[in-house]
C-alpha atoms as a PDB file:
ATOM      1  CA  UNK A   1      63.106 116.947  92.256  1.00  0.00           C
ATOM      2  CA  UNK A   2      64.461 113.502  93.039  1.00  0.00           C
ATOM      3  CA  UNK A   3      68.003 112.914  94.246  1.00  0.00           C
ATOM      4  CA  UNK A   4      70.392 109.993  93.828  1.00  0.00           C
ATOM      5  CA  UNK A   5      72.756 110.491  96.760  1.00  0.00           C
ATOM      6  CA  UNK A   6      76.039 108.723  96.017  1.00  0.00           C
ATOM      7  CA  UNK A   7      78.307 107.478  98.778  1.00  0.00           C
ATOM      8  CA  UNK A   8      80.735 104.670  99.501  1.00  0.00           C
ATOM      9  CA  UNK A   9      81.248 101.919 102.067  1.00  0.00           C
ATOM     10  CA  UNK A  10      83.934 100.027 103.998  1.00  0.00           C
ATOM     11  CA  UNK A  11      83.529  97.197 101.484  1.00  0.00           C
ATOM     12  CA  UNK A  12      85.243  99.366  98.865  1.00  0.00           C
ATOM     13  CA  UNK A  13      88.238  99.574 101.207  1.00  0.00           C
ATOM     14  CA  UNK A  14      88.519  95.794 101.582  1.00  0.00           C
ATOM     15  CA  UNK A  15      86.549  95.554 104.835  1.00  0.00           C
ATOM     16  CA  UNK A  16      84.411  92.438 105.357  1.00  0.00           C
ATOM     17  CA  UNK A  17      84.790  91.815 109.096  1.00  0.00           C
ATOM     18  CA  UNK A  18      84.586  93.826 112.286  1.00  0.00           C
ATOM     19  CA  UNK A  19      88.213  92.933 113.086  1.00  0.00           C
ATOM     20  CA  UNK A  20      90.772  91.412 110.751  1.00  0.00           C
ATOM     21  CA  UNK A  21      94.544  91.906 110.398  1.00  0.00           C
ATOM     22  CA  UNK A  22      94.163  92.197 106.619  1.00  0.00           C
ATOM     23  CA  UNK A  23      91.950  95.283 106.935  1.00  0.00           C
ATOM     24  CA  UNK A  24      93.018  98.885 107.390  1.00  0.00           C
ATOM     25  CA  UNK A  25      92.099 100.817 110.576  1.00  0.00           C
ATOM     26  CA  UNK A  26      88.715 102.496 110.537  1.00  0.00           C
ATOM     27  CA  UNK A  27      90.301 105.925 110.912  1.00  0.00           C
ATOM     28  CA  UNK A  28      92.134 105.481 107.629  1.00  0.00           C
ATOM     29  CA  UNK A  29      88.926 104.399 105.899  1.00  0.00           C
ATOM     30  CA  UNK A  30      87.111 107.488 107.189  1.00  0.00           C
ATOM     31  CA  UNK A  31      89.967 109.787 106.211  1.00  0.00           C
ATOM     32  CA  UNK A  32      90.212 108.332 102.716  1.00  0.00           C
ATOM     33  CA  UNK A  33      86.493 108.113 101.923  1.00  0.00           C
ATOM     34  CA  UNK A  34      86.240 111.808 102.793  1.00  0.00           C
ATOM     35  CA  UNK A  35      89.371 112.580 100.746  1.00  0.00           C
ATOM     36  CA  UNK A  36      87.766 110.805  97.769  1.00  0.00           C
ATOM     37  CA  UNK A  37      84.919 113.328  97.882  1.00  0.00           C
ATOM     38  CA  UNK A  38      82.112 111.265  99.397  1.00  0.00           C
ATOM     39  CA  UNK A  39      79.865 112.472 102.224  1.00  0.00           C
ATOM     40  CA  UNK A  40      77.684 109.372 102.748  1.00  0.00           C
ATOM     41  CA  UNK A  41      78.876 106.016 104.069  1.00  0.00           C
ATOM     42  CA  UNK A  42      77.524 102.766 105.458  1.00  0.00           C
ATOM     43  CA  UNK A  43      78.562 101.378 108.826  1.00  0.00           C
ATOM     44  CA  UNK A  44      79.993  98.193 107.346  1.00  0.00           C
ATOM     45  CA  UNK A  45      80.343  95.139 109.592  1.00  0.00           C
ATOM     46  CA  UNK A  46      79.075  95.990 113.063  1.00  0.00           C
ATOM     47  CA  UNK A  47      82.046  96.810 115.267  1.00  0.00           C
ATOM     48  CA  UNK A  48      84.393  98.005 112.531  1.00  0.00           C
ATOM     49  CA  UNK A  49      83.413 101.619 113.164  1.00  0.00           C
ATOM     50  CA  UNK A  50      82.918 102.682 116.799  1.00  0.00           C
ATOM     51  CA  UNK A  51      79.655 101.375 118.250  1.00  0.00           C
ATOM     52  CA  UNK A  52      79.436 104.178 120.811  1.00  0.00           C
ATOM     53  CA  UNK A  53      77.095 106.629 119.117  1.00  0.00           C
ATOM     54  CA  UNK A  54      78.557 109.908 120.500  1.00  0.00           C
ATOM     55  CA  UNK A  55      82.073 108.811 119.577  1.00  0.00           C
ATOM     56  CA  UNK A  56      80.982 107.781 116.086  1.00  0.00           C
ATOM     57  CA  UNK A  57      79.110 111.053 115.575  1.00  0.00           C
ATOM     58  CA  UNK A  58      82.277 112.962 116.480  1.00  0.00           C
ATOM     59  CA  UNK A  59      84.383 110.886 114.074  1.00  0.00           C
ATOM     60  CA  UNK A  60      81.898 111.499 111.268  1.00  0.00           C
ATOM     61  CA  UNK A  61      81.472 115.199 111.963  1.00  0.00           C
ATOM     62  CA  UNK A  62      85.238 115.742 111.941  1.00  0.00           C
ATOM     63  CA  UNK A  63      85.257 114.548 108.315  1.00  0.00           C
ATOM     64  CA  UNK A  64      81.866 115.899 107.162  1.00  0.00           C
ATOM     65  CA  UNK A  65      80.497 112.370 106.771  1.00  0.00           C
ATOM     66  CA  UNK A  66      76.982 110.997 107.311  1.00  0.00           C
ATOM     67  CA  UNK A  67      75.566 107.480 107.547  1.00  0.00           C
ATOM     68  CA  UNK A  68      73.072 106.149 105.025  1.00  0.00           C
ATOM     69  CA  UNK A  69      72.624 102.639 106.453  1.00  0.00           C
ATOM     70  CA  UNK A  70      73.799  99.777 108.612  1.00  0.00           C
ATOM     71  CA  UNK A  71      74.109  96.203 107.366  1.00  0.00           C
ATOM     72  CA  UNK A  72      73.094  92.791 108.770  1.00  0.00           C
ATOM     73  CA  UNK A  73      72.637  89.212 107.551  1.00  0.00           C
ATOM     74  CA  UNK A  74      69.560  87.037 108.012  1.00  0.00           C
ATOM     75  CA  UNK A  75      68.764  83.330 107.952  1.00  0.00           C
ATOM     76  CA  UNK A  76      65.064  83.574 108.702  1.00  0.00           C
ATOM     77  CA  UNK A  77      64.170  80.458 106.710  1.00  0.00           C
ATOM     78  CA  UNK A  78      65.740  78.392 109.501  1.00  0.00           C
ATOM     79  CA  UNK A  79      63.731  77.199 112.528  1.00  0.00           C
ATOM     80  CA  UNK A  80      63.993  79.314 115.670  1.00  0.00           C
ATOM     81  CA  UNK A  81      66.048  81.977 113.903  1.00  0.00           C
ATOM     82  CA  UNK A  82      64.043  85.073 114.793  1.00  0.00           C
ATOM     83  CA  UNK A  83      65.609  85.889 118.166  1.00  0.00           C
ATOM     84  CA  UNK A  84      69.209  85.682 116.910  1.00  0.00           C
ATOM     85  CA  UNK A  85      68.428  87.823 113.870  1.00  0.00           C
ATOM     86  CA  UNK A  86      66.522  90.384 115.918  1.00  0.00           C
ATOM     87  CA  UNK A  87      69.388  90.726 118.426  1.00  0.00           C
ATOM     88  CA  UNK A  88      71.790  91.470 115.591  1.00  0.00           C
ATOM     89  CA  UNK A  89      69.359  93.813 113.876  1.00  0.00           C
ATOM     90  CA  UNK A  90      68.590  95.666 117.094  1.00  0.00           C
ATOM     91  CA  UNK A  91      72.237  96.527 117.713  1.00  0.00           C
ATOM     92  CA  UNK A  92      72.812  97.735 114.172  1.00  0.00           C
ATOM     93  CA  UNK A  93      69.490  99.551 113.814  1.00  0.00           C
ATOM     94  CA  UNK A  94      69.914 101.354 117.127  1.00  0.00           C
ATOM     95  CA  UNK A  95      73.359 102.649 116.159  1.00  0.00           C
ATOM     96  CA  UNK A  96      72.226 103.532 112.640  1.00  0.00           C
ATOM     97  CA  UNK A  97      69.292 105.561 113.934  1.00  0.00           C
ATOM     98  CA  UNK A  98      71.413 107.200 116.640  1.00  0.00           C
ATOM     99  CA  UNK A  99      73.820 108.634 114.055  1.00  0.00           C
ATOM    100  CA  UNK A 100      71.085 109.762 111.670  1.00  0.00           C
ATOM    101  CA  UNK A 101      70.901 106.811 109.267  1.00  0.00           C
ATOM    102  CA  UNK A 102      67.553 105.978 107.713  1.00  0.00           C
ATOM    103  CA  UNK A 103      68.067 102.449 106.333  1.00  0.00           C
ATOM    104  CA  UNK A 104      69.215  98.985 107.285  1.00  0.00           C
ATOM    105  CA  UNK A 105      70.467  96.707 104.518  1.00  0.00           C
ATOM    106  CA  UNK A 106      69.486  93.093 105.173  1.00  0.00           C
ATOM    107  CA  UNK A 107      71.377  90.362 103.293  1.00  0.00           C
ATOM    108  CA  UNK A 108      70.529  86.646 103.102  1.00  0.00           C
ATOM    109  CA  UNK A 109      73.170  84.327 104.529  1.00  0.00           C
ATOM    110  CA  UNK A 110      75.011  82.343 101.874  1.00  0.00           C
ATOM    111  CA  UNK A 111      74.273  78.645 101.429  1.00  0.00           C
ATOM    112  CA  UNK A 112      77.946  77.813 100.982  1.00  0.00           C
ATOM    113  CA  UNK A 113      81.075  79.015 102.694  1.00  0.00           C
ATOM    114  CA  UNK A 114      82.399  81.989 100.690  1.00  0.00           C
ATOM    115  CA  UNK A 115      86.020  80.905 101.111  1.00  0.00           C
ATOM    116  CA  UNK A 116      86.122  77.112 101.184  1.00  0.00           C
ATOM    117  CA  UNK A 117      83.056  76.509  99.017  1.00  0.00           C
ATOM    118  CA  UNK A 118      81.730  73.992 101.553  1.00  0.00           C
ATOM    119  CA  UNK A 119      77.992  73.527 101.066  1.00  0.00           C
ATOM    120  CA  UNK A 120      76.318  74.565 104.316  1.00  0.00           C
ATOM    121  CA  UNK A 121      72.721  73.852 103.320  1.00  0.00           C
ATOM    122  CA  UNK A 122      70.561  73.095 100.314  1.00  0.00           C
ATOM    123  CA  UNK A 123      70.872  75.943  97.758  1.00  0.00           C
ATOM    124  CA  UNK A 124      67.121  75.733  97.077  1.00  0.00           C
ATOM    125  CA  UNK A 125      64.534  76.443  99.768  1.00  0.00           C
ATOM    126  CA  UNK A 126      61.450  74.269  99.999  1.00  0.00           C
ATOM    127  CA  UNK A 127      58.005  75.875 100.038  1.00  0.00           C
ATOM    128  CA  UNK A 128      57.835  75.982 103.824  1.00  0.00           C
ATOM    129  CA  UNK A 129      61.269  77.565 104.182  1.00  0.00           C
ATOM    130  CA  UNK A 130      60.441  80.173 101.539  1.00  0.00           C
ATOM    131  CA  UNK A 131      57.174  81.047 103.228  1.00  0.00           C
ATOM    132  CA  UNK A 132      58.920  81.404 106.588  1.00  0.00           C
ATOM    133  CA  UNK A 133      61.692  83.582 105.188  1.00  0.00           C
ATOM    134  CA  UNK A 134      59.400  85.971 103.378  1.00  0.00           C
ATOM    135  CA  UNK A 135      56.889  86.198 106.223  1.00  0.00           C
ATOM    136  CA  UNK A 136      59.624  86.852 108.775  1.00  0.00           C
ATOM    137  CA  UNK A 137      61.402  89.406 106.579  1.00  0.00           C
ATOM    138  CA  UNK A 138      58.090  91.281 106.329  1.00  0.00           C
ATOM    139  CA  UNK A 139      57.731  91.031 110.105  1.00  0.00           C
ATOM    140  CA  UNK A 140      61.315  92.247 110.472  1.00  0.00           C
ATOM    141  CA  UNK A 141      60.722  95.244 108.233  1.00  0.00           C
ATOM    142  CA  UNK A 142      57.670  96.275 110.243  1.00  0.00           C
ATOM    143  CA  UNK A 143      59.476  95.806 113.575  1.00  0.00           C
ATOM    144  CA  UNK A 144      62.499  97.819 112.446  1.00  0.00           C
ATOM    145  CA  UNK A 145      60.355 100.696 111.224  1.00  0.00           C
ATOM    146  CA  UNK A 146      58.072 100.747 114.248  1.00  0.00           C
ATOM    147  CA  UNK A 147      60.947 100.460 116.739  1.00  0.00           C
ATOM    148  CA  UNK A 148      63.684 102.536 115.140  1.00  0.00           C
ATOM    149  CA  UNK A 149      61.991 104.556 112.387  1.00  0.00           C
ATOM    150  CA  UNK A 150      64.290 103.215 109.672  1.00  0.00           C
ATOM    151  CA  UNK A 151      63.539 101.168 106.588  1.00  0.00           C
ATOM    152  CA  UNK A 152      64.550  97.647 105.623  1.00  0.00           C
ATOM    153  CA  UNK A 153      66.340  97.406 102.276  1.00  0.00           C
ATOM    154  CA  UNK A 154      66.707  93.768 101.194  1.00  0.00           C
ATOM    155  CA  UNK A 155      69.907  92.914  99.338  1.00  0.00           C
ATOM    156  CA  UNK A 156      69.986  89.912  96.964  1.00  0.00           C
ATOM    157  CA  UNK A 157      73.375  88.216  97.163  1.00  0.00           C
ATOM    158  CA  UNK A 158      75.492  85.703  95.257  1.00  0.00           C
ATOM    159  CA  UNK A 159      75.464  82.123  96.620  1.00  0.00           C
ATOM    160  CA  UNK A 160      72.313  82.851  98.613  1.00  0.00           C
ATOM    161  CA  UNK A 161      68.668  81.852  98.316  1.00  0.00           C
ATOM    162  CA  UNK A 162      67.740  85.277  96.935  1.00  0.00           C
ATOM    163  CA  UNK A 163      70.155  86.136  94.129  1.00  0.00           C
ATOM    164  CA  UNK A 164      68.912  85.149  90.676  1.00  0.00           C
ATOM    165  CA  UNK A 165      66.257  87.376  89.099  1.00  0.00           C
ATOM    166  CA  UNK A 166      63.407  84.818  89.379  1.00  0.00           C
ATOM    167  CA  UNK A 167      64.057  84.548  93.102  1.00  0.00           C
ATOM    168  CA  UNK A 168      64.247  88.329  93.448  1.00  0.00           C
ATOM    169  CA  UNK A 169      60.870  88.697  91.725  1.00  0.00           C
ATOM    170  CA  UNK A 170      59.371  85.908  93.817  1.00  0.00           C
ATOM    171  CA  UNK A 171      60.743  87.528  96.969  1.00  0.00           C
ATOM    172  CA  UNK A 172      59.264  90.927  96.114  1.00  0.00           C
ATOM    173  CA  UNK A 173      55.908  89.369  95.317  1.00  0.00           C
ATOM    174  CA  UNK A 174      55.943  87.461  98.631  1.00  0.00           C
ATOM    175  CA  UNK A 175      56.864  90.297 101.007  1.00  0.00           C
ATOM    176  CA  UNK A 176      55.052  93.351 102.352  1.00  0.00           C
ATOM    177  CA  UNK A 177      55.724  96.313 100.032  1.00  0.00           C
ATOM    178  CA  UNK A 178      55.096  98.756 102.849  1.00  0.00           C
ATOM    179  CA  UNK A 179      57.954  97.477 104.997  1.00  0.00           C
ATOM    180  CA  UNK A 180      60.297  95.592 102.656  1.00  0.00           C
ATOM    181  CA  UNK A 181      62.162  97.526  99.980  1.00  0.00           C
ATOM    182  CA  UNK A 182      64.876  96.406  97.590  1.00  0.00           C
ATOM    183  CA  UNK A 183      68.545  97.239  97.896  1.00  0.00           C
ATOM    184  CA  UNK A 184      69.420  96.692  94.256  1.00  0.00           C
ATOM    185  CA  UNK A 185      73.048  95.624  94.162  1.00  0.00           C
ATOM    186  CA  UNK A 186      73.961  95.889  90.493  1.00  0.00           C
ATOM    187  CA  UNK A 187      77.024  93.668  90.868  1.00  0.00           C
ATOM    188  CA  UNK A 188      75.265  90.794  92.586  1.00  0.00           C
ATOM    189  CA  UNK A 189      72.372  90.980  90.138  1.00  0.00           C
ATOM    190  CA  UNK A 190      74.793  90.695  87.208  1.00  0.00           C
ATOM    191  CA  UNK A 191      76.805  88.000  89.000  1.00  0.00           C
ATOM    192  CA  UNK A 192      73.613  85.930  89.222  1.00  0.00           C
ATOM    193  CA  UNK A 193      72.666  86.532  85.585  1.00  0.00           C
ATOM    194  CA  UNK A 194      70.051  89.249  86.099  1.00  0.00           C
ATOM    195  CA  UNK A 195      69.373  92.649  84.552  1.00  0.00           C
ATOM    196  CA  UNK A 196      69.260  95.589  86.982  1.00  0.00           C
ATOM    197  CA  UNK A 197      67.392  97.892  84.608  1.00  0.00           C
ATOM    198  CA  UNK A 198      64.759  95.225  84.006  1.00  0.00           C
ATOM    199  CA  UNK A 199      64.219  94.827  87.766  1.00  0.00           C
ATOM    200  CA  UNK A 200      63.892  98.589  88.184  1.00  0.00           C
ATOM    201  CA  UNK A 201      61.321  98.754  85.398  1.00  0.00           C
ATOM    202  CA  UNK A 202      59.320  95.744  86.594  1.00  0.00           C
ATOM    203  CA  UNK A 203      59.198  96.810  90.252  1.00  0.00           C
ATOM    204  CA  UNK A 204      59.731 100.580  90.310  1.00  0.00           C
ATOM    205  CA  UNK A 205      57.795 100.966  93.545  1.00  0.00           C
ATOM    206  CA  UNK A 206      60.140  98.617  95.454  1.00  0.00           C
ATOM    207  CA  UNK A 207      63.470 100.279  94.648  1.00  0.00           C
ATOM    208  CA  UNK A 208      64.572 101.807  97.935  1.00  0.00           C
ATOM    209  CA  UNK A 209      68.355 101.749  97.818  1.00  0.00           C
ATOM    210  CA  UNK A 210      71.242 100.966  95.466  1.00  0.00           C
ATOM    211  CA  UNK A 211      74.647  99.380  95.699  1.00  0.00           C
ATOM    212  CA  UNK A 212      76.689 100.321  92.655  1.00  0.00           C
ATOM    213  CA  UNK A 213      79.231  97.730  91.550  1.00  0.00           C
ATOM    214  CA  UNK A 214      80.301  96.099  88.303  1.00  0.00           C
ATOM    215  CA  UNK A 215      81.467  92.595  87.472  1.00  0.00           C
ATOM    216  CA  UNK A 216      84.098  91.386  85.016  1.00  0.00           C
ATOM    217  CA  UNK A 217      82.332  88.993  82.586  1.00  0.00           C
ATOM    218  CA  UNK A 218      85.575  87.168  81.792  1.00  0.00           C
ATOM    219  CA  UNK A 219      86.250  86.397  85.442  1.00  0.00           C
ATOM    220  CA  UNK A 220      82.593  85.493  85.989  1.00  0.00           C
ATOM    221  CA  UNK A 221      82.791  82.957  83.159  1.00  0.00           C
ATOM    222  CA  UNK A 222      85.702  81.263  84.950  1.00  0.00           C
ATOM    223  CA  UNK A 223      83.792  81.342  88.248  1.00  0.00           C
ATOM    224  CA  UNK A 224      80.784  79.678  86.645  1.00  0.00           C
ATOM    225  CA  UNK A 225      82.835  77.120  84.722  1.00  0.00           C
ATOM    226  CA  UNK A 226      84.709  76.048  87.849  1.00  0.00           C
ATOM    227  CA  UNK A 227      81.792  76.513  90.285  1.00  0.00           C
ATOM    228  CA  UNK A 228      83.902  78.748  92.518  1.00  0.00           C
ATOM    229  CA  UNK A 229      82.554  80.237  95.768  1.00  0.00           C
ATOM    230  CA  UNK A 230      81.959  83.951  96.066  1.00  0.00           C
ATOM    231  CA  UNK A 231      85.035  84.671  98.196  1.00  0.00           C
ATOM    232  CA  UNK A 232      87.309  83.048  95.639  1.00  0.00           C
ATOM    233  CA  UNK A 233      85.588  84.989  92.860  1.00  0.00           C
ATOM    234  CA  UNK A 234      86.321  88.246  94.657  1.00  0.00           C
ATOM    235  CA  UNK A 235      90.000  87.316  95.028  1.00  0.00           C
ATOM    236  CA  UNK A 236      90.111  86.716  91.268  1.00  0.00           C
ATOM    237  CA  UNK A 237      88.749  90.229  90.654  1.00  0.00           C
ATOM    238  CA  UNK A 238      85.166  89.458  89.650  1.00  0.00           C
ATOM    239  CA  UNK A 239      84.151  92.865  91.012  1.00  0.00           C
ATOM    240  CA  UNK A 240      85.901  95.387  88.798  1.00  0.00           C
ATOM    241  CA  UNK A 241      86.462  99.114  88.789  1.00  0.00           C
ATOM    242  CA  UNK A 242      83.926 100.983  86.652  1.00  0.00           C
ATOM    243  CA  UNK A 243      83.527 101.577  83.783  1.00  0.00           C
ATOM    244  CA  UNK A 244      85.374  98.394  82.854  1.00  0.00           C
ATOM    245  CA  UNK A 245      82.587  95.925  83.681  1.00  0.00           C
ATOM    246  CA  UNK A 246      78.829  95.426  83.604  1.00  0.00           C
ATOM    247  CA  UNK A 247      76.158  96.615  84.043  1.00  0.00           C
ATOM    248  CA  UNK A 248      76.274 100.045  82.426  1.00  0.00           C
ATOM    249  CA  UNK A 249      76.011 102.498  85.320  1.00  0.00           C
ATOM    250  CA  UNK A 250      74.669 105.213  83.041  1.00  0.00           C
ATOM    251  CA  UNK A 251      71.709 103.030  82.081  1.00  0.00           C
ATOM    252  CA  UNK A 252      71.054 102.010  85.696  1.00  0.00           C
ATOM    253  CA  UNK A 253      71.194 105.575  87.004  1.00  0.00           C
ATOM    254  CA  UNK A 254      68.999 106.811  84.152  1.00  0.00           C
ATOM    255  CA  UNK A 255      66.390 104.141  84.982  1.00  0.00           C
ATOM    256  CA  UNK A 256      66.408 105.202  88.647  1.00  0.00           C
ATOM    257  CA  UNK A 257      66.278 108.861  87.650  1.00  0.00           C
ATOM    258  CA  UNK A 258      63.036 108.165  85.767  1.00  0.00           C
ATOM    259  CA  UNK A 259      61.428 106.926  89.004  1.00  0.00           C
ATOM    260  CA  UNK A 260      61.519 110.439  90.499  1.00  0.00           C
ATOM    261  CA  UNK A 261      62.529 109.196  93.968  1.00  0.00           C
ATOM    262  CA  UNK A 262      65.102 110.070  96.593  1.00  0.00           C
ATOM    263  CA  UNK A 263      67.495 107.158  96.935  1.00  0.00           C
ATOM    264  CA  UNK A 264      70.993 106.364  98.128  1.00  0.00           C
ATOM    265  CA  UNK A 265      73.436 104.825  95.658  1.00  0.00           C
ATOM    266  CA  UNK A 266      76.378 103.446  97.600  1.00  0.00           C
ATOM    267  CA  UNK A 267      79.483 102.513  95.632  1.00  0.00           C
ATOM    268  CA  UNK A 268      80.818  99.081  96.496  1.00  0.00           C
ATOM    269  CA  UNK A 269      83.682  97.207  94.934  1.00  0.00           C
ATOM    270  CA  UNK A 270      84.430  94.004  96.815  1.00  0.00           C
ATOM    271  CA  UNK A 271      88.180  94.105  97.364  1.00  0.00           C
ATOM    272  CA  UNK A 272      88.783  91.685 100.224  1.00  0.00           C
ATOM    273  CA  UNK A 273      91.624  91.258 100.795  1.00  0.00           C
ATOM    274  CA  UNK A 274      93.581  94.151  99.309  1.00  0.00           C
ATOM    275  CA  UNK A 275      96.713  96.141 100.043  1.00  0.00           C
ATOM    276  CA  UNK A 276      96.014  99.465 101.785  1.00  0.00           C
ATOM    277  CA  UNK A 277      97.181 101.631  98.887  1.00  0.00           C
ATOM    278  CA  UNK A 278      94.641 100.241  96.398  1.00  0.00           C
ATOM    279  CA  UNK A 279      91.200 101.590  97.446  1.00  0.00           C
ATOM    280  CA  UNK A 280      91.634 105.384  97.496  1.00  0.00           C
ATOM    281  CA  UNK A 281      92.707 105.883  93.854  1.00  0.00           C
ATOM    282  CA  UNK A 282      89.888 103.585  92.713  1.00  0.00           C
ATOM    283  CA  UNK A 283      87.375 105.533  94.815  1.00  0.00           C
ATOM    284  CA  UNK A 284      88.561 108.822  93.349  1.00  0.00           C
ATOM    285  CA  UNK A 285      88.351 107.558  89.772  1.00  0.00           C
ATOM    286  CA  UNK A 286      84.943 105.985  90.380  1.00  0.00           C
ATOM    287  CA  UNK A 287      83.520 109.210  91.778  1.00  0.00           C
ATOM    288  CA  UNK A 288      84.817 111.103  88.755  1.00  0.00           C
ATOM    289  CA  UNK A 289      83.303 108.535  86.413  1.00  0.00           C
ATOM    290  CA  UNK A 290      79.897 108.644  88.093  1.00  0.00           C
ATOM    291  CA  UNK A 291      79.891 112.426  87.885  1.00  0.00           C
ATOM    292  CA  UNK A 292      80.508 112.112  84.146  1.00  0.00           C
ATOM    293  CA  UNK A 293      77.460 109.891  83.494  1.00  0.00           C
ATOM    294  CA  UNK A 294      75.271 112.914  82.824  1.00  0.00           C
ATOM    295  CA  UNK A 295      72.514 112.158  85.376  1.00  0.00           C
ATOM    296  CA  UNK A 296      71.485 115.544  86.753  1.00  0.00           C
ATOM    297  CA  UNK A 297      69.954 114.140  89.953  1.00  0.00           C
ATOM    298  CA  UNK A 298      73.213 112.532  91.111  1.00  0.00           C
ATOM    299  CA  UNK A 299      74.560 114.230  94.233  1.00  0.00           C
ATOM    300  CA  UNK A 300      77.809 113.573  96.107  1.00  0.00           C
END
């Protein structure tokens, strides 16, 4: 029988950076994610949780927590980018594998600054840049698996070159299905106008990982009308507590359930920045809601 293993992540506690005075200490995140009833977490930004593997294993074991994945960003469409990306990936993949994680979530860098909205590069890749990105992501997936035994899960993202559904489909068709799998982030797909269930049904063999989040359509309409950057959208509350947004988690989980696969579904609600008292009650309510969706393969 398949399993949809639900967990959470530092992102749902307002953590975007390895160090930041607006973020709560990692010990409080670990205490609260365990108190909310989750057993699986992501590492979050490298350096937020301890990077010494024995120390991190002890912290996790003390709270009955396990790691599903680490997370990195890539800009492989740029010239001479491989070495910098591989150095970052190597650090994260090594720690992930050392603490028992089986995935690394790879996210495309954004083409504009998420806070200021400054355009950093052309939002559309030319044919050569696209070919380089997809070829090097395939190479990256193979290298990660052969070196660390973990799998690359590619995460489409708002304000990036792989976000809208046509780009997601083009990306999947241009990368190696053996070594590049899709981290389907339901919030980012909706943010970019896509349909998560449609993607699952069109490419069932590529679904390797899930990020569960919802967006507020009213806030998104304002974001689109004013051409706001992603960071500003998050401050306005574009990512909303389920079940108050879209997409319908029941429909998404049912579509994944039909695939008969084992997959992680990590709850994320972008909350940066937020006051420390906000995340835990949301996490508790979200877990309760997901348990009520009626999908028998969901496990916490």
